[in-house]
Every structure is written in C-alpha cells, then in structure tokens.
Amino acid sequence: MLEEILSDDNIERAIKHVVGKKSGAGEDLITYKDVEYIWKEDKQLIINSIQRKCYIPMCFKRIYIKKENSKNKRVITITSKI
C-alpha cells in the first residue's frame, strides 16, 4: 500500500490537487505555490522518512468549536497521517 501512496502518479495527482485548489497557507505556512518546489527539492528525504515511519505530519487545519454554555471555543486540529 505504501508503494501505491508514494508512486509518482499518485504524488503528481496530489500535487496537482493542492495547487489547483489555490487555497491559503496551512498551519506550517507553506502555500500552494511552494508545494511543487519543496517536493522537487526534498522528494527523496520525504519518501525516506515515510518509509522509515519517522515522518511526523504537521497540523494542516484547525477548527474552533463553540463550547456549550461558554464563550470559549475548543480547538480541534486535523493532521494528515499515512
């Protein structure tokens, strides 16, 4: 399954999807414009860290949920995990 995830075709489709969305930066402040460059520069490092199971995904989205009977909001972070 890992070979399928890390296949060139799958990575290419994922990058096109991220770049095509043209959304703002995530929690790591990387913009969609930086994704292709970072992948080209660090491709083997990223693949190796995933294969060795030492890759630590960063939070890519935070959601604030209103607490019942309170003015405070609870934070939920969503990460990507392989």
PDB file of N, CA and C in Angstrom:
ATOM      1  N   MET A   1       0.819  -1.197   0.000  1.00  0.00           N
ATOM      2  CA  MET A   1       0.000   0.000   0.000  1.00  0.00           C
ATOM      3  C   MET A   1       0.864   1.264   0.000  1.00  0.00           C
ATOM      4  N   LEU A   2       1.974   1.223   0.733  1.00  0.00           N
ATOM      5  CA  LEU A   2       2.856   2.384   0.795  1.00  0.00           C
ATOM      6  C   LEU A   2       3.443   2.711  -0.575  1.00  0.00           C
ATOM      7  N   GLU A   3       3.760   1.667  -1.351  1.00  0.00           N
ATOM      8  CA  GLU A   3       4.296   1.892  -2.698  1.00  0.00           C
ATOM      9  C   GLU A   3       3.270   2.621  -3.563  1.00  0.00           C
ATOM     10  N   GLU A   4       2.004   2.256  -3.376  1.00  0.00           N
ATOM     11  CA  GLU A   4       0.928   2.903  -4.122  1.00  0.00           C
ATOM     12  C   GLU A   4       0.804   4.380  -3.747  1.00  0.00           C
ATOM     13  N   ILE A   5       0.881   4.656  -2.446  1.00  0.00           N
ATOM     14  CA  ILE A   5       0.779   6.035  -1.957  1.00  0.00           C
ATOM     15  C   ILE A   5       1.932   6.875  -2.469  1.00  0.00           C
ATOM     16  N   LEU A   6       3.130   6.296  -2.480  1.00  0.00           N
ATOM     17  CA  LEU A   6       4.322   7.047  -2.872  1.00  0.00           C
ATOM     18  C   LEU A   6       4.649   6.951  -4.360  1.00  0.00           C
ATOM     19  N   SER A   7       3.751   6.357  -5.139  1.00  0.00           N
ATOM     20  CA  SER A   7       4.011   6.242  -6.575  1.00  0.00           C
ATOM     21  C   SER A   7       4.038   7.635  -7.210  1.00  0.00           C
ATOM     22  N   ASP A   8       4.834   7.749  -8.265  1.00  0.00           N
ATOM     23  CA  ASP A   8       4.955   9.041  -8.950  1.00  0.00           C
ATOM     24  C   ASP A   8       3.603   9.548  -9.433  1.00  0.00           C
ATOM     25  N   ASP A   9       2.772   8.641  -9.948  1.00  0.00           N
ATOM     26  CA  ASP A   9       1.451   9.029 -10.456  1.00  0.00           C
ATOM     27  C   ASP A   9       0.577   9.590  -9.331  1.00  0.00           C
ATOM     28  N   ASN A  10       0.570   8.928  -8.188  1.00  0.00           N
ATOM     29  CA  ASN A  10      -0.250   9.380  -7.062  1.00  0.00           C
ATOM     30  C   ASN A  10       0.244  10.721  -6.520  1.00  0.00           C
ATOM     31  N   ILE A  11       1.553  10.867  -6.380  1.00  0.00           N
ATOM     32  CA  ILE A  11       2.122  12.125  -5.882  1.00  0.00           C
ATOM     33  C   ILE A  11       1.824  13.262  -6.852  1.00  0.00           C
ATOM     34  N   GLU A  12       1.961  12.986  -8.144  1.00  0.00           N
ATOM     35  CA  GLU A  12       1.676  14.009  -9.159  1.00  0.00           C
ATOM     36  C   GLU A  12       0.219  14.470  -9.086  1.00  0.00           C
ATOM     37  N   ARG A  13      -0.704  13.521  -8.927  1.00  0.00           N
ATOM     38  CA  ARG A  13      -2.119  13.875  -8.803  1.00  0.00           C
ATOM     39  C   ARG A  13      -2.382  14.677  -7.525  1.00  0.00           C
ATOM     40  N   ALA A  14      -1.728  14.300  -6.438  1.00  0.00           N
ATOM     41  CA  ALA A  14      -1.906  15.011  -5.162  1.00  0.00           C
ATOM     42  C   ALA A  14      -1.398  16.447  -5.267  1.00  0.00           C
ATOM     43  N   ILE A  15      -0.241  16.628  -5.884  1.00  0.00           N
ATOM     44  CA  ILE A  15       0.322  17.973  -6.044  1.00  0.00           C
ATOM     45  C   ILE A  15      -0.590  18.818  -6.931  1.00  0.00           C
ATOM     46  N   LYS A  16      -1.074  18.251  -8.030  1.00  0.00           N
ATOM     47  CA  LYS A  16      -1.990  18.985  -8.907  1.00  0.00           C
ATOM     48  C   LYS A  16      -3.264  19.368  -8.156  1.00  0.00           C
ATOM     49  N   HIS A  17      -3.738  18.484  -7.285  1.00  0.00           N
ATOM     50  CA  HIS A  17      -4.940  18.773  -6.498  1.00  0.00           C
ATOM     51  C   HIS A  17      -4.697  19.947  -5.552  1.00  0.00           C
ATOM     52  N   VAL A  18      -3.569  19.930  -4.849  1.00  0.00           N
ATOM     53  CA  VAL A  18      -3.245  21.003  -3.901  1.00  0.00           C
ATOM     54  C   VAL A  18      -3.055  22.321  -4.638  1.00  0.00           C
ATOM     55  N   VAL A  19      -2.287  22.295  -5.707  1.00  0.00           N
ATOM     56  CA  VAL A  19      -2.024  23.512  -6.475  1.00  0.00           C
ATOM     57  C   VAL A  19      -3.314  24.030  -7.119  1.00  0.00           C
ATOM     58  N   GLY A  20      -4.163  23.127  -7.584  1.00  0.00           N
ATOM     59  CA  GLY A  20      -5.413  23.514  -8.232  1.00  0.00           C
ATOM     60  C   GLY A  20      -6.399  24.188  -7.293  1.00  0.00           C
ATOM     61  N   LYS A  21      -6.336  23.848  -6.004  1.00  0.00           N
ATOM     62  CA  LYS A  21      -7.255  24.455  -5.046  1.00  0.00           C
ATOM     63  C   LYS A  21      -6.909  25.911  -4.770  1.00  0.00           C
ATOM     64  N   LYS A  22      -5.634  26.269  -4.905  1.00  0.00           N
ATOM     65  CA  LYS A  22      -5.153  27.637  -4.701  1.00  0.00           C
ATOM     66  C   LYS A  22      -5.648  28.241  -3.389  1.00  0.00           C
ATOM     67  N   SER A  23      -5.602  27.428  -2.348  1.00  0.00           N
ATOM     68  CA  SER A  23      -6.026  27.936  -1.043  1.00  0.00           C
ATOM     69  C   SER A  23      -4.849  28.600  -0.331  1.00  0.00           C
ATOM     70  N   GLY A  24      -5.124  29.209   0.790  1.00  0.00           N
ATOM     71  CA  GLY A  24      -4.095  29.894   1.562  1.00  0.00           C
ATOM     72  C   GLY A  24      -3.151  28.907   2.228  1.00  0.00           C
ATOM     73  N   ALA A  25      -2.204  29.448   2.947  1.00  0.00           N
ATOM     74  CA  ALA A  25      -1.219  28.622   3.632  1.00  0.00           C
ATOM     75  C   ALA A  25      -1.857  27.844   4.771  1.00  0.00           C
ATOM     76  N   GLY A  26      -1.284  26.683   5.061  1.00  0.00           N
ATOM     77  CA  GLY A  26      -1.753  25.870   6.176  1.00  0.00           C
ATOM     78  C   GLY A  26      -1.056  26.293   7.463  1.00  0.00           C
ATOM     79  N   GLU A  27      -1.155  25.466   8.479  1.00  0.00           N
ATOM     80  CA  GLU A  27      -0.538  25.754   9.771  1.00  0.00           C
ATOM     81  C   GLU A  27       0.976  25.876   9.664  1.00  0.00           C
ATOM     82  N   ASP A  28       1.578  25.183   8.695  1.00  0.00           N
ATOM     83  CA  ASP A  28       3.029  25.232   8.517  1.00  0.00           C
ATOM     84  C   ASP A  28       3.463  26.424   7.652  1.00  0.00           C
ATOM     85  N   LEU A  29       2.509  27.250   7.234  1.00  0.00           N
ATOM     86  CA  LEU A  29       2.723  28.461   6.429  1.00  0.00           C
ATOM     87  C   LEU A  29       3.240  28.182   5.021  1.00  0.00           C
ATOM     88  N   ILE A  30       3.134  26.946   4.566  1.00  0.00           N
ATOM     89  CA  ILE A  30       3.522  26.610   3.199  1.00  0.00           C
ATOM     90  C   ILE A  30       2.323  26.865   2.297  1.00  0.00           C
ATOM     91  N   THR A  31       2.540  27.633   1.251  1.00  0.00           N
ATOM     92  CA  THR A  31       1.453  27.951   0.331  1.00  0.00           C
ATOM     93  C   THR A  31       1.414  26.930  -0.801  1.00  0.00           C
ATOM     94  N   TYR A  32       0.316  26.926  -1.536  1.00  0.00           N
ATOM     95  CA  TYR A  32       0.192  26.008  -2.663  1.00  0.00           C
ATOM     96  C   TYR A  32       1.270  26.269  -3.707  1.00  0.00           C
ATOM     97  N   LYS A  33       1.768  27.504  -3.761  1.00  0.00           N
ATOM     98  CA  LYS A  33       2.814  27.848  -4.725  1.00  0.00           C
ATOM     99  C   LYS A  33       4.144  27.176  -4.380  1.00  0.00           C
ATOM    100  N   ASP A  34       4.358  26.859  -3.110  1.00  0.00           N
ATOM    101  CA  ASP A  34       5.614  26.265  -2.646  1.00  0.00           C
ATOM    102  C   ASP A  34       5.642  24.746  -2.762  1.00  0.00           C
ATOM    103  N   VAL A  35       4.492  24.118  -2.911  1.00  0.00           N
ATOM    104  CA  VAL A  35       4.404  22.657  -2.838  1.00  0.00           C
ATOM    105  C   VAL A  35       5.272  21.967  -3.881  1.00  0.00           C
ATOM    106  N   GLU A  36       5.181  22.373  -5.131  1.00  0.00           N
ATOM    107  CA  GLU A  36       5.968  21.730  -6.194  1.00  0.00           C
ATOM    108  C   GLU A  36       7.466  21.900  -5.958  1.00  0.00           C
ATOM    109  N   TYR A  37       7.876  23.095  -5.575  1.00  0.00           N
ATOM    110  CA  TYR A  37       9.295  23.352  -5.335  1.00  0.00           C
ATOM    111  C   TYR A  37       9.824  22.498  -4.185  1.00  0.00           C
ATOM    112  N   ILE A  38       9.082  22.458  -3.084  1.00  0.00           N
ATOM    113  CA  ILE A  38       9.505  21.681  -1.915  1.00  0.00           C
ATOM    114  C   ILE A  38       9.600  20.202  -2.270  1.00  0.00           C
ATOM    115  N   TRP A  39       8.628  19.701  -3.024  1.00  0.00           N
ATOM    116  CA  TRP A  39       8.664  18.297  -3.414  1.00  0.00           C
ATOM    117  C   TRP A  39       9.882  18.006  -4.282  1.00  0.00           C
ATOM    118  N   LYS A  40      10.176  18.891  -5.240  1.00  0.00           N
ATOM    119  CA  LYS A  40      11.334  18.675  -6.113  1.00  0.00           C
ATOM    120  C   LYS A  40      12.640  18.698  -5.326  1.00  0.00           C
ATOM    121  N   GLU A  41      12.747  19.584  -4.359  1.00  0.00           N
ATOM    122  CA  GLU A  41      13.974  19.725  -3.569  1.00  0.00           C
ATOM    123  C   GLU A  41      14.151  18.605  -2.544  1.00  0.00           C
ATOM    124  N   ASP A  42      13.073  18.180  -1.922  1.00  0.00           N
ATOM    125  CA  ASP A  42      13.164  17.256  -0.781  1.00  0.00           C
ATOM    126  C   ASP A  42      12.472  15.924  -1.015  1.00  0.00           C
ATOM    127  N   LYS A  43      12.225  15.577  -2.262  1.00  0.00           N
ATOM    128  CA  LYS A  43      11.474  14.365  -2.585  1.00  0.00           C
ATOM    129  C   LYS A  43      12.031  13.127  -1.881  1.00  0.00           C
ATOM    130  N   GLN A  44      13.317  12.849  -2.058  1.00  0.00           N
ATOM    131  CA  GLN A  44      13.891  11.622  -1.503  1.00  0.00           C
ATOM    132  C   GLN A  44      13.896  11.645   0.023  1.00  0.00           C
ATOM    133  N   LEU A  45      14.133  12.792   0.619  1.00  0.00           N
ATOM    134  CA  LEU A  45      14.099  12.920   2.081  1.00  0.00           C
ATOM    135  C   LEU A  45      12.702  12.621   2.624  1.00  0.00           C
ATOM    136  N   ILE A  46      11.693  13.153   1.964  1.00  0.00           N
ATOM    137  CA  ILE A  46      10.307  12.931   2.388  1.00  0.00           C
ATOM    138  C   ILE A  46       9.933  11.456   2.233  1.00  0.00           C
ATOM    139  N   ILE A  47      10.250  10.871   1.094  1.00  0.00           N
ATOM    140  CA  ILE A  47       9.939   9.459   0.848  1.00  0.00           C
ATOM    141  C   ILE A  47      10.638   8.570   1.869  1.00  0.00           C
ATOM    142  N   ASN A  48      11.930   8.822   2.110  1.00  0.00           N
ATOM    143  CA  ASN A  48      12.676   8.006   3.078  1.00  0.00           C
ATOM    144  C   ASN A  48      12.090   8.104   4.477  1.00  0.00           C
ATOM    145  N   SER A  49      11.712   9.287   4.899  1.00  0.00           N
ATOM    146  CA  SER A  49      11.164   9.434   6.248  1.00  0.00           C
ATOM    147  C   SER A  49       9.813   8.734   6.385  1.00  0.00           C
ATOM    148  N   ILE A  50       9.026   8.723   5.312  1.00  0.00           N
ATOM    149  CA  ILE A  50       7.749   7.994   5.339  1.00  0.00           C
ATOM    150  C   ILE A  50       8.009   6.491   5.375  1.00  0.00           C
ATOM    151  N   GLN A  51       8.942   6.006   4.565  1.00  0.00           N
ATOM    152  CA  GLN A  51       9.250   4.576   4.533  1.00  0.00           C
ATOM    153  C   GLN A  51       9.831   4.079   5.858  1.00  0.00           C
ATOM    154  N   ARG A  52      10.615   4.906   6.514  1.00  0.00           N
ATOM    155  CA  ARG A  52      11.199   4.528   7.813  1.00  0.00           C
ATOM    156  C   ARG A  52      10.233   4.746   8.970  1.00  0.00           C
ATOM    157  N   LYS A  53       9.043   5.246   8.646  1.00  0.00           N
ATOM    158  CA  LYS A  53       7.991   5.519   9.634  1.00  0.00           C
ATOM    159  C   LYS A  53       8.436   6.536  10.681  1.00  0.00           C
ATOM    160  N   CYS A  54       9.233   7.500  10.256  1.00  0.00           N
ATOM    161  CA  CYS A  54       9.643   8.567  11.174  1.00  0.00           C
ATOM    162  C   CYS A  54       9.124   9.927  10.707  1.00  0.00           C
ATOM    163  N   TYR A  55       8.259   9.924   9.713  1.00  0.00           N
ATOM    164  CA  TYR A  55       7.645  11.159   9.227  1.00  0.00           C
ATOM    165  C   TYR A  55       6.621  11.642  10.245  1.00  0.00           C
ATOM    166  N   ILE A  56       6.704  12.906  10.626  1.00  0.00           N
ATOM    167  CA  ILE A  56       5.760  13.489  11.572  1.00  0.00           C
ATOM    168  C   ILE A  56       4.935  14.535  10.828  1.00  0.00           C
ATOM    169  N   PRO A  57       3.667  14.218  10.577  1.00  0.00           N
ATOM    170  CA  PRO A  57       2.839  15.177   9.840  1.00  0.00           C
ATOM    171  C   PRO A  57       2.532  16.401  10.685  1.00  0.00           C
ATOM    172  N   MET A  58       2.435  17.524  10.028  1.00  0.00           N
ATOM    173  CA  MET A  58       2.077  18.755  10.715  1.00  0.00           C
ATOM    174  C   MET A  58       0.572  18.956  10.622  1.00  0.00           C
ATOM    175  N   CYS A  59       0.075  19.684  11.548  1.00  0.00           N
ATOM    176  CA  CYS A  59      -1.336  20.034  11.547  1.00  0.00           C
ATOM    177  C   CYS A  59      -1.614  20.846  10.285  1.00  0.00           C
ATOM    178  N   PHE A  60      -2.664  20.499   9.556  1.00  0.00           N
ATOM    179  CA  PHE A  60      -2.959  21.303   8.375  1.00  0.00           C
ATOM    180  C   PHE A  60      -4.265  22.063   8.481  1.00  0.00           C
ATOM    181  N   LYS A  61      -5.014  21.812   9.543  1.00  0.00           N
ATOM    182  CA  LYS A  61      -6.244  22.574   9.696  1.00  0.00           C
ATOM    183  C   LYS A  61      -6.644  22.611  11.158  1.00  0.00           C
ATOM    184  N   ARG A  62      -7.095  23.764  11.599  1.00  0.00           N
ATOM    185  CA  ARG A  62      -7.631  23.908  12.943  1.00  0.00           C
ATOM    186  C   ARG A  62      -9.087  24.310  12.845  1.00  0.00           C
ATOM    187  N   ILE A  63      -9.881  23.688  13.664  1.00  0.00           N
ATOM    188  CA  ILE A  63     -11.306  24.004  13.712  1.00  0.00           C
ATOM    189  C   ILE A  63     -11.629  24.435  15.129  1.00  0.00           C
ATOM    190  N   TYR A  64     -12.348  25.523  15.252  1.00  0.00           N
ATOM    191  CA  TYR A  64     -12.761  26.018  16.562  1.00  0.00           C
ATOM    192  C   TYR A  64     -14.246  25.726  16.745  1.00  0.00           C
ATOM    193  N   ILE A  65     -14.550  24.962  17.782  1.00  0.00           N
ATOM    194  CA  ILE A  65     -15.923  24.578  18.052  1.00  0.00           C
ATOM    195  C   ILE A  65     -16.400  25.304  19.298  1.00  0.00           C
ATOM    196  N   LYS A  66     -17.532  25.926  19.186  1.00  0.00           N
ATOM    197  CA  LYS A  66     -18.107  26.671  20.303  1.00  0.00           C
ATOM    198  C   LYS A  66     -18.516  25.702  21.411  1.00  0.00           C
ATOM    199  N   LYS A  67     -18.079  25.996  22.635  1.00  0.00           N
ATOM    200  CA  LYS A  67     -18.464  25.169  23.776  1.00  0.00           C
ATOM    201  C   LYS A  67     -19.856  25.564  24.245  1.00  0.00           C
ATOM    202  N   GLU A  68     -20.590  24.574  24.663  1.00  0.00           N
ATOM    203  CA  GLU A  68     -21.930  24.826  25.166  1.00  0.00           C
ATOM    204  C   GLU A  68     -21.832  25.578  26.495  1.00  0.00           C
ATOM    205  N   ASN A  69     -22.658  26.598  26.667  1.00  0.00           N
ATOM    206  CA  ASN A  69     -22.704  27.410  27.894  1.00  0.00           C
ATOM    207  C   ASN A  69     -21.378  28.100  28.205  1.00  0.00           C
ATOM    208  N   SER A  70     -20.643  28.486  27.181  1.00  0.00           N
ATOM    209  CA  SER A  70     -19.358  29.153  27.387  1.00  0.00           C
ATOM    210  C   SER A  70     -19.047  30.036  26.187  1.00  0.00           C
ATOM    211  N   LYS A  71     -18.264  31.078  26.437  1.00  0.00           N
ATOM    212  CA  LYS A  71     -17.838  31.948  25.339  1.00  0.00           C
ATOM    213  C   LYS A  71     -16.562  31.412  24.684  1.00  0.00           C
ATOM    214  N   ASN A  72     -15.933  30.436  25.318  1.00  0.00           N
ATOM    215  CA  ASN A  72     -14.700  29.858  24.794  1.00  0.00           C
ATOM    216  C   ASN A  72     -14.999  28.870  23.670  1.00  0.00           C
ATOM    217  N   LYS A  73     -13.979  28.641  22.858  1.00  0.00           N
ATOM    218  CA  LYS A  73     -14.089  27.662  21.791  1.00  0.00           C
ATOM    219  C   LYS A  73     -13.028  26.589  21.996  1.00  0.00           C
ATOM    220  N   ARG A  74     -13.397  25.373  21.644  1.00  0.00           N
ATOM    221  CA  ARG A  74     -12.474  24.245  21.749  1.00  0.00           C
ATOM    222  C   ARG A  74     -11.753  24.099  20.408  1.00  0.00           C
ATOM    223  N   VAL A  75     -10.451  23.842  20.457  1.00  0.00           N
ATOM    224  CA  VAL A  75      -9.659  23.709  19.248  1.00  0.00           C
ATOM    225  C   VAL A  75      -9.528  22.233  18.893  1.00  0.00           C
ATOM    226  N   ILE A  76      -9.778  21.922  17.635  1.00  0.00           N
ATOM    227  CA  ILE A  76      -9.552  20.579  17.107  1.00  0.00           C
ATOM    228  C   ILE A  76      -8.561  20.743  15.962  1.00  0.00           C
ATOM    229  N   THR A  77      -7.493  19.982  15.979  1.00  0.00           N
ATOM    230  CA  THR A  77      -6.527  20.031  14.881  1.00  0.00           C
ATOM    231  C   THR A  77      -6.622  18.752  14.078  1.00  0.00           C
ATOM    232  N   ILE A  78      -6.508  18.895  12.783  1.00  0.00           N
ATOM    233  CA  ILE A  78      -6.585  17.770  11.873  1.00  0.00           C
ATOM    234  C   ILE A  78      -5.216  17.621  11.217  1.00  0.00           C
ATOM    235  N   THR A  79      -4.673  16.415  11.252  1.00  0.00           N
ATOM    236  CA  THR A  79      -3.388  16.166  10.623  1.00  0.00           C
ATOM    237  C   THR A  79      -3.568  15.131   9.532  1.00  0.00           C
ATOM    238  N   SER A  80      -2.580  15.082   8.653  1.00  0.00           N
ATOM    239  CA  SER A  80      -2.565  14.021   7.655  1.00  0.00           C
ATOM    240  C   SER A  80      -1.688  12.916   8.217  1.00  0.00           C
ATOM    241  N   LYS A  81      -2.129  11.712   8.137  1.00  0.00           N
ATOM    242  CA  LYS A  81      -1.377  10.598   8.700  1.00  0.00           C
ATOM    243  C   LYS A  81      -1.396   9.463   7.697  1.00  0.00           C
ATOM    244  N   ILE A  82      -0.235   8.944   7.400  1.00  0.00           N
ATOM    245  CA  ILE A  82      -0.139   7.803   6.479  1.00  0.00           C
ATOM    246  C   ILE A  82       0.013   6.557   7.321  1.00  0.00           C
TER     247      ILE A  82
END
